[in-house]
Structure formats: C-alpha cells, structure tokens
PDB file of N, CA and C in Angstrom:
ATOM      1  N   UNK A   1       5.957  43.476  -6.039  1.00  0.00           N
ATOM      2  CA  UNK A   1       5.007  42.387  -6.125  1.00  0.00           C
ATOM      3  C   UNK A   1       4.793  41.806  -4.730  1.00  0.00           C
ATOM      4  N   UNK A   2       3.560  41.601  -4.385  1.00  0.00           N
ATOM      5  CA  UNK A   2       3.204  41.145  -3.053  1.00  0.00           C
ATOM      6  C   UNK A   2       2.854  39.652  -3.073  1.00  0.00           C
ATOM      7  N   UNK A   3       3.413  38.901  -2.115  1.00  0.00           N
ATOM      8  CA  UNK A   3       3.099  37.481  -2.003  1.00  0.00           C
ATOM      9  C   UNK A   3       1.831  37.299  -1.189  1.00  0.00           C
ATOM     10  N   UNK A   4       0.985  36.403  -1.641  1.00  0.00           N
ATOM     11  CA  UNK A   4      -0.230  36.091  -0.914  1.00  0.00           C
ATOM     12  C   UNK A   4       0.024  34.848  -0.071  1.00  0.00           C
ATOM     13  N   UNK A   5      -0.233  34.967   1.200  1.00  0.00           N
ATOM     14  CA  UNK A   5      -0.058  33.836   2.106  1.00  0.00           C
ATOM     15  C   UNK A   5      -1.400  33.124   2.238  1.00  0.00           C
ATOM     16  N   UNK A   6      -1.382  31.835   1.925  1.00  0.00           N
ATOM     17  CA  UNK A   6      -2.598  31.038   2.041  1.00  0.00           C
ATOM     18  C   UNK A   6      -2.573  30.327   3.385  1.00  0.00           C
ATOM     19  N   UNK A   7      -3.575  30.589   4.179  1.00  0.00           N
ATOM     20  CA  UNK A   7      -3.668  29.934   5.492  1.00  0.00           C
ATOM     21  C   UNK A   7      -4.153  28.510   5.287  1.00  0.00           C
ATOM     22  N   UNK A   8      -3.371  27.592   5.794  1.00  0.00           N
ATOM     23  CA  UNK A   8      -3.716  26.186   5.676  1.00  0.00           C
ATOM     24  C   UNK A   8      -4.616  25.784   6.835  1.00  0.00           C
ATOM     25  N   UNK A   9      -5.516  24.866   6.553  1.00  0.00           N
ATOM     26  CA  UNK A   9      -6.456  24.373   7.558  1.00  0.00           C
ATOM     27  C   UNK A   9      -5.820  23.179   8.280  1.00  0.00           C
ATOM     28  N   UNK A  10      -5.209  23.454   9.427  1.00  0.00           N
ATOM     29  CA  UNK A  10      -4.495  22.428  10.184  1.00  0.00           C
ATOM     30  C   UNK A  10      -5.398  21.255  10.551  1.00  0.00           C
ATOM     31  N   UNK A  11      -6.611  21.536  10.942  1.00  0.00           N
ATOM     32  CA  UNK A  11      -7.539  20.472  11.330  1.00  0.00           C
ATOM     33  C   UNK A  11      -7.826  19.548  10.143  1.00  0.00           C
ATOM     34  N   UNK A  12      -8.049  20.135   8.975  1.00  0.00           N
ATOM     35  CA  UNK A  12      -8.309  19.352   7.772  1.00  0.00           C
ATOM     36  C   UNK A  12      -7.076  18.535   7.379  1.00  0.00           C
ATOM     37  N   UNK A  13      -5.901  19.125   7.502  1.00  0.00           N
ATOM     38  CA  UNK A  13      -4.670  18.411   7.163  1.00  0.00           C
ATOM     39  C   UNK A  13      -4.429  17.228   8.093  1.00  0.00           C
ATOM     40  N   UNK A  14      -4.674  17.427   9.383  1.00  0.00           N
ATOM     41  CA  UNK A  14      -4.507  16.328  10.348  1.00  0.00           C
ATOM     42  C   UNK A  14      -5.478  15.199  10.026  1.00  0.00           C
ATOM     43  N   UNK A  15      -6.723  15.537   9.708  1.00  0.00           N
ATOM     44  CA  UNK A  15      -7.716  14.517   9.361  1.00  0.00           C
ATOM     45  C   UNK A  15      -7.290  13.745   8.114  1.00  0.00           C
ATOM     46  N   UNK A  16      -6.769  14.469   7.124  1.00  0.00           N
ATOM     47  CA  UNK A  16      -6.315  13.819   5.892  1.00  0.00           C
ATOM     48  C   UNK A  16      -5.148  12.873   6.168  1.00  0.00           C
ATOM     49  N   UNK A  17      -4.206  13.314   7.009  1.00  0.00           N
ATOM     50  CA  UNK A  17      -3.081  12.444   7.376  1.00  0.00           C
ATOM     51  C   UNK A  17      -3.564  11.209   8.131  1.00  0.00           C
ATOM     52  N   UNK A  18      -4.504  11.399   9.051  1.00  0.00           N
ATOM     53  CA  UNK A  18      -5.038  10.263   9.805  1.00  0.00           C
ATOM     54  C   UNK A  18      -5.747   9.277   8.884  1.00  0.00           C
ATOM     55  N   UNK A  19      -6.503   9.793   7.908  1.00  0.00           N
ATOM     56  CA  UNK A  19      -7.181   8.915   6.948  1.00  0.00           C
ATOM     57  C   UNK A  19      -6.169   8.113   6.137  1.00  0.00           C
ATOM     58  N   UNK A  20      -5.112   8.783   5.694  1.00  0.00           N
ATOM     59  CA  UNK A  20      -4.081   8.113   4.908  1.00  0.00           C
ATOM     60  C   UNK A  20      -3.394   7.027   5.724  1.00  0.00           C
ATOM     61  N   UNK A  21      -3.026   7.364   6.953  1.00  0.00           N
ATOM     62  CA  UNK A  21      -2.358   6.393   7.817  1.00  0.00           C
ATOM     63  C   UNK A  21      -3.278   5.209   8.112  1.00  0.00           C
ATOM     64  N   UNK A  22      -4.571   5.466   8.279  1.00  0.00           N
ATOM     65  CA  UNK A  22      -5.524   4.391   8.528  1.00  0.00           C
ATOM     66  C   UNK A  22      -5.542   3.400   7.354  1.00  0.00           C
ATOM     67  N   UNK A  23      -5.536   3.936   6.130  1.00  0.00           N
ATOM     68  CA  UNK A  23      -5.655   3.075   4.951  1.00  0.00           C
ATOM     69  C   UNK A  23      -4.358   2.346   4.634  1.00  0.00           C
ATOM     70  N   UNK A  24      -3.215   2.997   4.777  1.00  0.00           N
ATOM     71  CA  UNK A  24      -1.951   2.368   4.369  1.00  0.00           C
ATOM     72  C   UNK A  24      -1.021   2.067   5.528  1.00  0.00           C
ATOM     73  N   UNK A  25      -1.459   2.378   6.736  1.00  0.00           N
ATOM     74  CA  UNK A  25      -0.602   2.222   7.905  1.00  0.00           C
ATOM     75  C   UNK A  25      -0.328   0.777   8.260  1.00  0.00           C
ATOM     76  N   UNK A  26       0.583   0.606   9.169  1.00  0.00           N
ATOM     77  CA  UNK A  26       0.943  -0.726   9.614  1.00  0.00           C
ATOM     78  C   UNK A  26       2.179  -1.226   8.887  1.00  0.00           C
ATOM     79  N   UNK A  27       2.643  -2.330   9.354  1.00  0.00           N
ATOM     80  CA  UNK A  27       3.895  -2.903   8.864  1.00  0.00           C
ATOM     81  C   UNK A  27       3.762  -3.536   7.479  1.00  0.00           C
ATOM     82  N   UNK A  28       2.570  -3.992   7.101  1.00  0.00           N
ATOM     83  CA  UNK A  28       2.452  -4.869   5.942  1.00  0.00           C
ATOM     84  C   UNK A  28       1.780  -4.280   4.716  1.00  0.00           C
ATOM     85  N   UNK A  29       0.967  -3.256   4.844  1.00  0.00           N
ATOM     86  CA  UNK A  29       0.155  -2.813   3.702  1.00  0.00           C
ATOM     87  C   UNK A  29       0.979  -2.299   2.531  1.00  0.00           C
ATOM     88  N   UNK A  30       1.962  -1.460   2.791  1.00  0.00           N
ATOM     89  CA  UNK A  30       2.778  -0.967   1.674  1.00  0.00           C
ATOM     90  C   UNK A  30       3.577  -2.089   1.007  1.00  0.00           C
ATOM     91  N   UNK A  31       4.180  -3.000   1.768  1.00  0.00           N
ATOM     92  CA  UNK A  31       4.844  -4.130   1.100  1.00  0.00           C
ATOM     93  C   UNK A  31       3.873  -4.992   0.277  1.00  0.00           C
ATOM     94  N   UNK A  32       2.632  -5.139   0.737  1.00  0.00           N
ATOM     95  CA  UNK A  32       1.646  -5.910  -0.023  1.00  0.00           C
ATOM     96  C   UNK A  32       1.297  -5.179  -1.315  1.00  0.00           C
ATOM     97  N   UNK A  33       1.049  -3.883  -1.224  1.00  0.00           N
ATOM     98  CA  UNK A  33       0.757  -3.093  -2.422  1.00  0.00           C
ATOM     99  C   UNK A  33       1.919  -3.196  -3.399  1.00  0.00           C
ATOM    100  N   UNK A  34       3.129  -3.039  -2.889  1.00  0.00           N
ATOM    101  CA  UNK A  34       4.315  -3.122  -3.736  1.00  0.00           C
ATOM    102  C   UNK A  34       4.417  -4.489  -4.411  1.00  0.00           C
ATOM    103  N   UNK A  35       4.157  -5.549  -3.669  1.00  0.00           N
ATOM    104  CA  UNK A  35       4.219  -6.903  -4.215  1.00  0.00           C
ATOM    105  C   UNK A  35       3.203  -7.091  -5.337  1.00  0.00           C
ATOM    106  N   UNK A  36       1.979  -6.672  -5.094  1.00  0.00           N
ATOM    107  CA  UNK A  36       0.928  -6.827  -6.103  1.00  0.00           C
ATOM    108  C   UNK A  36       1.249  -5.984  -7.335  1.00  0.00           C
ATOM    109  N   UNK A  37       1.720  -4.769  -7.128  1.00  0.00           N
ATOM    110  CA  UNK A  37       2.077  -3.892  -8.255  1.00  0.00           C
ATOM    111  C   UNK A  37       3.268  -4.424  -9.044  1.00  0.00           C
ATOM    112  N   UNK A  38       4.074  -5.282  -8.418  1.00  0.00           N
ATOM    113  CA  UNK A  38       5.212  -5.901  -9.107  1.00  0.00           C
ATOM    114  C   UNK A  38       4.840  -7.222  -9.773  1.00  0.00           C
ATOM    115  N   UNK A  39       3.552  -7.501  -9.860  1.00  0.00           N
ATOM    116  CA  UNK A  39       3.097  -8.651 -10.638  1.00  0.00           C
ATOM    117  C   UNK A  39       2.701  -9.888  -9.868  1.00  0.00           C
ATOM    118  N   UNK A  40       2.827  -9.882  -8.555  1.00  0.00           N
ATOM    119  CA  UNK A  40       2.405 -11.038  -7.768  1.00  0.00           C
ATOM    120  C   UNK A  40       0.892 -10.961  -7.571  1.00  0.00           C
ATOM    121  N   UNK A  41       0.173 -11.953  -8.102  1.00  0.00           N
ATOM    122  CA  UNK A  41      -1.283 -11.904  -8.068  1.00  0.00           C
ATOM    123  C   UNK A  41      -1.908 -12.947  -7.150  1.00  0.00           C
ATOM    124  N   UNK A  42      -1.214 -14.058  -6.951  1.00  0.00           N
ATOM    125  CA  UNK A  42      -1.779 -15.127  -6.148  1.00  0.00           C
ATOM    126  C   UNK A  42      -1.290 -15.035  -4.712  1.00  0.00           C
ATOM    127  N   UNK A  43      -2.098 -15.544  -3.801  1.00  0.00           N
ATOM    128  CA  UNK A  43      -1.829 -15.436  -2.368  1.00  0.00           C
ATOM    129  C   UNK A  43      -0.413 -15.898  -2.024  1.00  0.00           C
ATOM    130  N   UNK A  44      -0.039 -17.084  -2.462  1.00  0.00           N
ATOM    131  CA  UNK A  44       1.278 -17.635  -2.109  1.00  0.00           C
ATOM    132  C   UNK A  44       2.419 -16.824  -2.726  1.00  0.00           C
ATOM    133  N   UNK A  45       2.212 -16.270  -3.934  1.00  0.00           N
ATOM    134  CA  UNK A  45       3.238 -15.420  -4.546  1.00  0.00           C
ATOM    135  C   UNK A  45       3.466 -14.174  -3.690  1.00  0.00           C
ATOM    136  N   UNK A  46       2.369 -13.576  -3.268  1.00  0.00           N
ATOM    137  CA  UNK A  46       2.460 -12.371  -2.429  1.00  0.00           C
ATOM    138  C   UNK A  46       3.146 -12.730  -1.110  1.00  0.00           C
ATOM    139  N   UNK A  47       2.712 -13.816  -0.510  1.00  0.00           N
ATOM    140  CA  UNK A  47       3.273 -14.258   0.771  1.00  0.00           C
ATOM    141  C   UNK A  47       4.781 -14.510   0.663  1.00  0.00           C
ATOM    142  N   UNK A  48       5.207 -15.193  -0.379  1.00  0.00           N
ATOM    143  CA  UNK A  48       6.634 -15.503  -0.556  1.00  0.00           C
ATOM    144  C   UNK A  48       7.474 -14.254  -0.818  1.00  0.00           C
ATOM    145  N   UNK A  49       6.857 -13.226  -1.379  1.00  0.00           N
ATOM    146  CA  UNK A  49       7.607 -12.016  -1.730  1.00  0.00           C
ATOM    147  C   UNK A  49       7.815 -11.070  -0.549  1.00  0.00           C
ATOM    148  N   UNK A  50       7.166 -11.368   0.579  1.00  0.00           N
ATOM    149  CA  UNK A  50       7.253 -10.480   1.744  1.00  0.00           C
ATOM    150  C   UNK A  50       7.811 -11.263   2.935  1.00  0.00           C
ATOM    151  N   UNK A  51       9.107 -11.149   3.185  1.00  0.00           N
ATOM    152  CA  UNK A  51       9.713 -11.888   4.297  1.00  0.00           C
ATOM    153  C   UNK A  51       9.064 -11.528   5.638  1.00  0.00           C
ATOM    154  N   UNK A  52       8.733 -12.565   6.407  1.00  0.00           N
ATOM    155  CA  UNK A  52       8.238 -12.365   7.762  1.00  0.00           C
ATOM    156  C   UNK A  52       6.734 -12.268   7.912  1.00  0.00           C
ATOM    157  N   UNK A  53       5.983 -12.112   6.817  1.00  0.00           N
ATOM    158  CA  UNK A  53       4.528 -12.012   6.956  1.00  0.00           C
ATOM    159  C   UNK A  53       3.944 -13.406   7.161  1.00  0.00           C
ATOM    160  N   UNK A  54       2.957 -13.502   8.022  1.00  0.00           N
ATOM    161  CA  UNK A  54       2.300 -14.783   8.250  1.00  0.00           C
ATOM    162  C   UNK A  54       1.092 -14.915   7.336  1.00  0.00           C
ATOM    163  N   UNK A  55       0.654 -16.140   7.127  1.00  0.00           N
ATOM    164  CA  UNK A  55      -0.523 -16.406   6.301  1.00  0.00           C
ATOM    165  C   UNK A  55      -1.735 -15.683   6.863  1.00  0.00           C
ATOM    166  N   UNK A  56      -1.888 -15.764   8.160  1.00  0.00           N
ATOM    167  CA  UNK A  56      -3.035 -15.127   8.818  1.00  0.00           C
ATOM    168  C   UNK A  56      -3.012 -13.605   8.643  1.00  0.00           C
ATOM    169  N   UNK A  57      -1.840 -12.989   8.805  1.00  0.00           N
ATOM    170  CA  UNK A  57      -1.722 -11.542   8.667  1.00  0.00           C
ATOM    171  C   UNK A  57      -1.979 -11.114   7.223  1.00  0.00           C
ATOM    172  N   UNK A  58      -1.438 -11.854   6.264  1.00  0.00           N
ATOM    173  CA  UNK A  58      -1.660 -11.513   4.858  1.00  0.00           C
ATOM    174  C   UNK A  58      -3.144 -11.582   4.527  1.00  0.00           C
ATOM    175  N   UNK A  59      -3.807 -12.628   4.980  1.00  0.00           N
ATOM    176  CA  UNK A  59      -5.235 -12.779   4.734  1.00  0.00           C
ATOM    177  C   UNK A  59      -6.021 -11.595   5.316  1.00  0.00           C
ATOM    178  N   UNK A  60      -5.712 -11.225   6.546  1.00  0.00           N
ATOM    179  CA  UNK A  60      -6.382 -10.101   7.221  1.00  0.00           C
ATOM    180  C   UNK A  60      -6.151  -8.803   6.462  1.00  0.00           C
ATOM    181  N   UNK A  61      -4.919  -8.547   6.084  1.00  0.00           N
ATOM    182  CA  UNK A  61      -4.579  -7.298   5.396  1.00  0.00           C
ATOM    183  C   UNK A  61      -5.223  -7.228   4.013  1.00  0.00           C
ATOM    184  N   UNK A  62      -5.243  -8.346   3.281  1.00  0.00           N
ATOM    185  CA  UNK A  62      -5.879  -8.349   1.964  1.00  0.00           C
ATOM    186  C   UNK A  62      -7.368  -8.023   2.073  1.00  0.00           C
ATOM    187  N   UNK A  63      -8.036  -8.552   3.092  1.00  0.00           N
ATOM    188  CA  UNK A  63      -9.458  -8.248   3.290  1.00  0.00           C
ATOM    189  C   UNK A  63      -9.665  -6.766   3.565  1.00  0.00           C
ATOM    190  N   UNK A  64      -8.841  -6.184   4.433  1.00  0.00           N
ATOM    191  CA  UNK A  64      -8.928  -4.757   4.747  1.00  0.00           C
ATOM    192  C   UNK A  64      -8.659  -3.907   3.508  1.00  0.00           C
ATOM    193  N   UNK A  65      -7.663  -4.286   2.740  1.00  0.00           N
ATOM    194  CA  UNK A  65      -7.306  -3.526   1.551  1.00  0.00           C
ATOM    195  C   UNK A  65      -8.402  -3.605   0.489  1.00  0.00           C
ATOM    196  N   UNK A  66      -9.081  -4.729   0.422  1.00  0.00           N
ATOM    197  CA  UNK A  66     -10.207  -4.855  -0.506  1.00  0.00           C
ATOM    198  C   UNK A  66     -11.358  -3.953  -0.060  1.00  0.00           C
ATOM    199  N   UNK A  67     -11.615  -3.897   1.229  1.00  0.00           N
ATOM    200  CA  UNK A  67     -12.661  -3.013   1.759  1.00  0.00           C
ATOM    201  C   UNK A  67     -12.363  -1.540   1.484  1.00  0.00           C
ATOM    202  N   UNK A  68     -11.081  -1.193   1.483  1.00  0.00           N
ATOM    203  CA  UNK A  68     -10.672   0.190   1.228  1.00  0.00           C
ATOM    204  C   UNK A  68     -10.431   0.475  -0.252  1.00  0.00           C
ATOM    205  N   UNK A  69     -10.845  -0.467  -1.110  1.00  0.00           N
ATOM    206  CA  UNK A  69     -10.797  -0.296  -2.564  1.00  0.00           C
ATOM    207  C   UNK A  69      -9.386  -0.138  -3.133  1.00  0.00           C
ATOM    208  N   UNK A  70      -8.394  -0.729  -2.445  1.00  0.00           N
ATOM    209  CA  UNK A  70      -7.023  -0.689  -2.943  1.00  0.00           C
ATOM    210  C   UNK A  70      -6.721  -1.863  -3.858  1.00  0.00           C
ATOM    211  N   UNK A  71      -7.412  -2.977  -3.630  1.00  0.00           N
ATOM    212  CA  UNK A  71      -7.203  -4.171  -4.439  1.00  0.00           C
ATOM    213  C   UNK A  71      -8.551  -4.790  -4.793  1.00  0.00           C
ATOM    214  N   UNK A  72      -8.518  -5.619  -5.837  1.00  0.00           N
ATOM    215  CA  UNK A  72      -9.689  -6.426  -6.166  1.00  0.00           C
ATOM    216  C   UNK A  72      -9.303  -7.890  -6.011  1.00  0.00           C
ATOM    217  N   UNK A  73     -10.277  -8.676  -5.677  1.00  0.00           N
ATOM    218  CA  UNK A  73     -10.099 -10.117  -5.500  1.00  0.00           C
ATOM    219  C   UNK A  73     -11.000 -10.799  -6.511  1.00  0.00           C
ATOM    220  N   UNK A  74     -10.399 -11.626  -7.375  1.00  0.00           N
ATOM    221  CA  UNK A  74     -11.165 -12.325  -8.403  1.00  0.00           C
ATOM    222  C   UNK A  74     -11.045 -13.820  -8.154  1.00  0.00           C
ATOM    223  N   UNK A  75     -12.195 -14.478  -8.079  1.00  0.00           N
ATOM    224  CA  UNK A  75     -12.236 -15.923  -7.854  1.00  0.00           C
ATOM    225  C   UNK A  75     -12.592 -16.602  -9.178  1.00  0.00           C
ATOM    226  N   UNK A  76     -11.735 -17.523  -9.616  1.00  0.00           N
ATOM    227  CA  UNK A  76     -11.980 -18.297 -10.825  1.00  0.00           C
ATOM    228  C   UNK A  76     -12.428 -19.694 -10.417  1.00  0.00           C
ATOM    229  N   UNK A  77     -13.493 -20.180 -11.027  1.00  0.00           N
ATOM    230  CA  UNK A  77     -14.089 -21.466 -10.652  1.00  0.00           C
ATOM    231  C   UNK A  77     -13.362 -22.639 -11.296  1.00  0.00           C
ATOM    232  N   UNK A  78     -12.067 -22.696 -11.083  1.00  0.00           N
ATOM    233  CA  UNK A  78     -11.285 -23.838 -11.543  1.00  0.00           C
ATOM    234  C   UNK A  78     -11.255 -24.878 -10.437  1.00  0.00           C
ATOM    235  N   UNK A  79     -10.615 -25.998 -10.715  1.00  0.00           N
ATOM    236  CA  UNK A  79     -10.380 -26.975  -9.675  1.00  0.00           C
ATOM    237  C   UNK A  79      -8.887 -27.171  -9.572  1.00  0.00           C
ATOM    238  N   UNK A  80      -8.247 -26.790  -8.502  1.00  0.00           N
ATOM    239  CA  UNK A  80      -8.810 -26.093  -7.344  1.00  0.00           C
ATOM    240  C   UNK A  80      -9.140 -24.637  -7.691  1.00  0.00           C
ATOM    241  N   UNK A  81      -9.902 -24.018  -6.812  1.00  0.00           N
ATOM    242  CA  UNK A  81     -10.321 -22.628  -7.011  1.00  0.00           C
ATOM    243  C   UNK A  81      -9.080 -21.740  -7.106  1.00  0.00           C
ATOM    244  N   UNK A  82      -9.089 -20.839  -8.058  1.00  0.00           N
ATOM    245  CA  UNK A  82      -7.978 -19.916  -8.267  1.00  0.00           C
ATOM    246  C   UNK A  82      -8.431 -18.515  -7.855  1.00  0.00           C
ATOM    247  N   UNK A  83      -7.653 -17.865  -7.003  1.00  0.00           N
ATOM    248  CA  UNK A  83      -7.953 -16.508  -6.555  1.00  0.00           C
ATOM    249  C   UNK A  83      -6.779 -15.613  -6.913  1.00  0.00           C
ATOM    250  N   UNK A  84      -7.093 -14.465  -7.530  1.00  0.00           N
ATOM    251  CA  UNK A  84      -6.059 -13.499  -7.885  1.00  0.00           C
ATOM    252  C   UNK A  84      -6.398 -12.134  -7.301  1.00  0.00           C
ATOM    253  N   UNK A  85      -5.354 -11.412  -6.946  1.00  0.00           N
ATOM    254  CA  UNK A  85      -5.486 -10.065  -6.406  1.00  0.00           C
ATOM    255  C   UNK A  85      -4.813  -9.092  -7.365  1.00  0.00           C
ATOM    256  N   UNK A  86      -5.449  -7.945  -7.563  1.00  0.00           N
ATOM    257  CA  UNK A  86      -4.865  -6.910  -8.413  1.00  0.00           C
ATOM    258  C   UNK A  86      -5.089  -5.554  -7.767  1.00  0.00           C
ATOM    259  N   UNK A  87      -4.167  -4.641  -8.034  1.00  0.00           N
ATOM    260  CA  UNK A  87      -4.348  -3.280  -7.536  1.00  0.00           C
ATOM    261  C   UNK A  87      -5.411  -2.588  -8.383  1.00  0.00           C
ATOM    262  N   UNK A  88      -6.181  -1.745  -7.754  1.00  0.00           N
ATOM    263  CA  UNK A  88      -7.217  -0.996  -8.467  1.00  0.00           C
ATOM    264  C   UNK A  88      -6.609   0.256  -9.084  1.00  0.00           C
ATOM    265  N   UNK A  89      -7.349   0.882  -9.976  1.00  0.00           N
ATOM    266  CA  UNK A  89      -6.899   2.160 -10.544  1.00  0.00           C
ATOM    267  C   UNK A  89      -6.728   3.180  -9.419  1.00  0.00           C
ATOM    268  N   UNK A  90      -7.612   3.119  -8.447  1.00  0.00           N
ATOM    269  CA  UNK A  90      -7.528   4.007  -7.288  1.00  0.00           C
ATOM    270  C   UNK A  90      -6.210   3.794  -6.543  1.00  0.00           C
ATOM    271  N   UNK A  91      -5.816   2.571  -6.352  1.00  0.00           N
ATOM    272  CA  UNK A  91      -4.555   2.254  -5.681  1.00  0.00           C
ATOM    273  C   UNK A  91      -3.370   2.781  -6.477  1.00  0.00           C
ATOM    274  N   UNK A  92      -3.463   2.686  -7.785  1.00  0.00           N
ATOM    275  CA  UNK A  92      -2.359   3.131  -8.639  1.00  0.00           C
ATOM    276  C   UNK A  92      -2.107   4.635  -8.523  1.00  0.00           C
ATOM    277  N   UNK A  93      -3.108   5.395  -8.081  1.00  0.00           N
ATOM    278  CA  UNK A  93      -2.889   6.835  -7.881  1.00  0.00           C
ATOM    279  C   UNK A  93      -1.908   7.083  -6.747  1.00  0.00           C
ATOM    280  N   UNK A  94      -1.687   6.073  -5.924  1.00  0.00           N
ATOM    281  CA  UNK A  94      -0.772   6.177  -4.789  1.00  0.00           C
ATOM    282  C   UNK A  94       0.665   5.824  -5.171  1.00  0.00           C
ATOM    283  N   UNK A  95       0.868   5.317  -6.382  1.00  0.00           N
ATOM    284  CA  UNK A  95       2.196   4.864  -6.827  1.00  0.00           C
ATOM    285  C   UNK A  95       3.283   5.927  -6.688  1.00  0.00           C
ATOM    286  N   UNK A  96       3.052   7.186  -7.088  1.00  0.00           N
ATOM    287  CA  UNK A  96       4.118   8.188  -6.925  1.00  0.00           C
ATOM    288  C   UNK A  96       4.523   8.391  -5.461  1.00  0.00           C
ATOM    289  N   UNK A  97       3.569   8.276  -4.567  1.00  0.00           N
ATOM    290  CA  UNK A  97       3.864   8.426  -3.140  1.00  0.00           C
ATOM    291  C   UNK A  97       4.720   7.253  -2.666  1.00  0.00           C
ATOM    292  N   UNK A  98       4.371   6.048  -3.081  1.00  0.00           N
ATOM    293  CA  UNK A  98       5.140   4.857  -2.700  1.00  0.00           C
ATOM    294  C   UNK A  98       6.571   4.958  -3.228  1.00  0.00           C
ATOM    295  N   UNK A  99       6.712   5.349  -4.495  1.00  0.00           N
ATOM    296  CA  UNK A  99       8.058   5.482  -5.070  1.00  0.00           C
ATOM    297  C   UNK A  99       8.862   6.551  -4.339  1.00  0.00           C
ATOM    298  N   UNK A 100       8.224   7.641  -3.961  1.00  0.00           N
ATOM    299  CA  UNK A 100       8.911   8.681  -3.180  1.00  0.00           C
ATOM    300  C   UNK A 100       9.331   8.141  -1.816  1.00  0.00           C
ATOM    301  N   UNK A 101       8.468   7.329  -1.210  1.00  0.00           N
ATOM    302  CA  UNK A 101       8.798   6.743   0.092  1.00  0.00           C
ATOM    303  C   UNK A 101       9.973   5.783  -0.034  1.00  0.00           C
ATOM    304  N   UNK A 102      10.012   5.013  -1.118  1.00  0.00           N
ATOM    305  CA  UNK A 102      11.130   4.087  -1.351  1.00  0.00           C
ATOM    306  C   UNK A 102      12.420   4.884  -1.510  1.00  0.00           C
ATOM    307  N   UNK A 103      12.376   5.942  -2.334  1.00  0.00           N
ATOM    308  CA  UNK A 103      13.562   6.790  -2.526  1.00  0.00           C
ATOM    309  C   UNK A 103      14.020   7.403  -1.206  1.00  0.00           C
ATOM    310  N   UNK A 104      13.058   7.915  -0.433  1.00  0.00           N
ATOM    311  CA  UNK A 104      13.396   8.525   0.853  1.00  0.00           C
ATOM    312  C   UNK A 104      14.025   7.484   1.778  1.00  0.00           C
ATOM    313  N   UNK A 105      13.464   6.271   1.800  1.00  0.00           N
ATOM    314  CA  UNK A 105      13.995   5.203   2.649  1.00  0.00           C
ATOM    315  C   UNK A 105      15.418   4.821   2.279  1.00  0.00           C
ATOM    316  N   UNK A 106      15.715   4.794   0.982  1.00  0.00           N
ATOM    317  CA  UNK A 106      17.077   4.491   0.530  1.00  0.00           C
ATOM    318  C   UNK A 106      18.028   5.584   1.000  1.00  0.00           C
ATOM    319  N   UNK A 107      17.624   6.842   0.797  1.00  0.00           N
ATOM    320  CA  UNK A 107      18.460   7.967   1.213  1.00  0.00           C
ATOM    321  C   UNK A 107      18.627   8.007   2.732  1.00  0.00           C
ATOM    322  N   UNK A 108      17.579   7.679   3.451  1.00  0.00           N
ATOM    323  CA  UNK A 108      17.650   7.667   4.922  1.00  0.00           C
ATOM    324  C   UNK A 108      18.640   6.614   5.403  1.00  0.00           C
ATOM    325  N   UNK A 109      18.572   5.428   4.798  1.00  0.00           N
ATOM    326  CA  UNK A 109      19.494   4.351   5.197  1.00  0.00           C
ATOM    327  C   UNK A 109      20.934   4.782   4.953  1.00  0.00           C
ATOM    328  N   UNK A 110      21.205   5.412   3.818  1.00  0.00           N
ATOM    329  CA  UNK A 110      22.545   5.910   3.501  1.00  0.00           C
ATOM    330  C   UNK A 110      22.973   6.944   4.540  1.00  0.00           C
ATOM    331  N   UNK A 111      22.058   7.861   4.864  1.00  0.00           N
ATOM    332  CA  UNK A 111      22.347   8.950   5.812  1.00  0.00           C
ATOM    333  C   UNK A 111      22.721   8.404   7.196  1.00  0.00           C
ATOM    334  N   UNK A 112      21.950   7.462   7.697  1.00  0.00           N
ATOM    335  CA  UNK A 112      22.210   6.958   9.045  1.00  0.00           C
ATOM    336  C   UNK A 112      23.402   6.003   9.090  1.00  0.00           C
ATOM    337  N   UNK A 113      23.792   5.472   7.938  1.00  0.00           N
ATOM    338  CA  UNK A 113      24.940   4.563   7.893  1.00  0.00           C
ATOM    339  C   UNK A 113      26.263   5.331   7.800  1.00  0.00           C
ATOM    340  N   UNK A 114      26.204   6.637   7.497  1.00  0.00           N
ATOM    341  CA  UNK A 114      27.420   7.437   7.368  1.00  0.00           C
ATOM    342  C   UNK A 114      28.171   7.520   8.677  1.00  0.00           C
TER     343      UNK A 114
END
C-alpha cells in the first residue's frame, strides 16, 4: 500500500496563522473571550474577572472584538443604560482551541517547574 503525500501550501498556512493571530492576538483578547464565555456579560464583571486589565484597554479590545464578530454588544434602554456583551456563535467555534491552549498552558507550567 502506497502513502500519498499531500503538499501543504506554506504561504496559505502562514496567511491563516497571521489572520488568527490578528483576531485573537495580544495579551487580553483570550482572557476576555474566556471571561464572557464563563458568564460575565457586563463591562465591570468582565473587568473584575481579568486581573491587570485597565478600563481603557478593555473598552478598546471589546470594540475590536465586536468588529471581528467575536462578541455582540446589546444596549438596553434602562436607567441607567445597561450594556451586555455575549460571545457569538462564530466565537464559540473557537472554544476547542481555547480549551486546548488552556490544557497546553497547564502542562507547560508543570514542565518548566520540574
């Protein structure tokens, strides 16, 4: 039986990696996604759940994530105005990758602490 070798398109793979890093890259985006997916919907809840993030940075990142269709922002006309953030179905497709990254990070910490 003969194995067929599939030639991978390195240029396409690099572009895909760059696109992924652009959308989820940086220090704060994955922790924000994780926070929202864990049930934090309001700005202050998200902010409190992520040690070290500033109000300004959270606001900037939420706007970028909304533009990239990772989250939705819903404004309720209460007094005071209530704003909630939720992950989109599109964002949820990334959940297995995030969980794998969390598992890898735990294993990495164990490995380097040995």
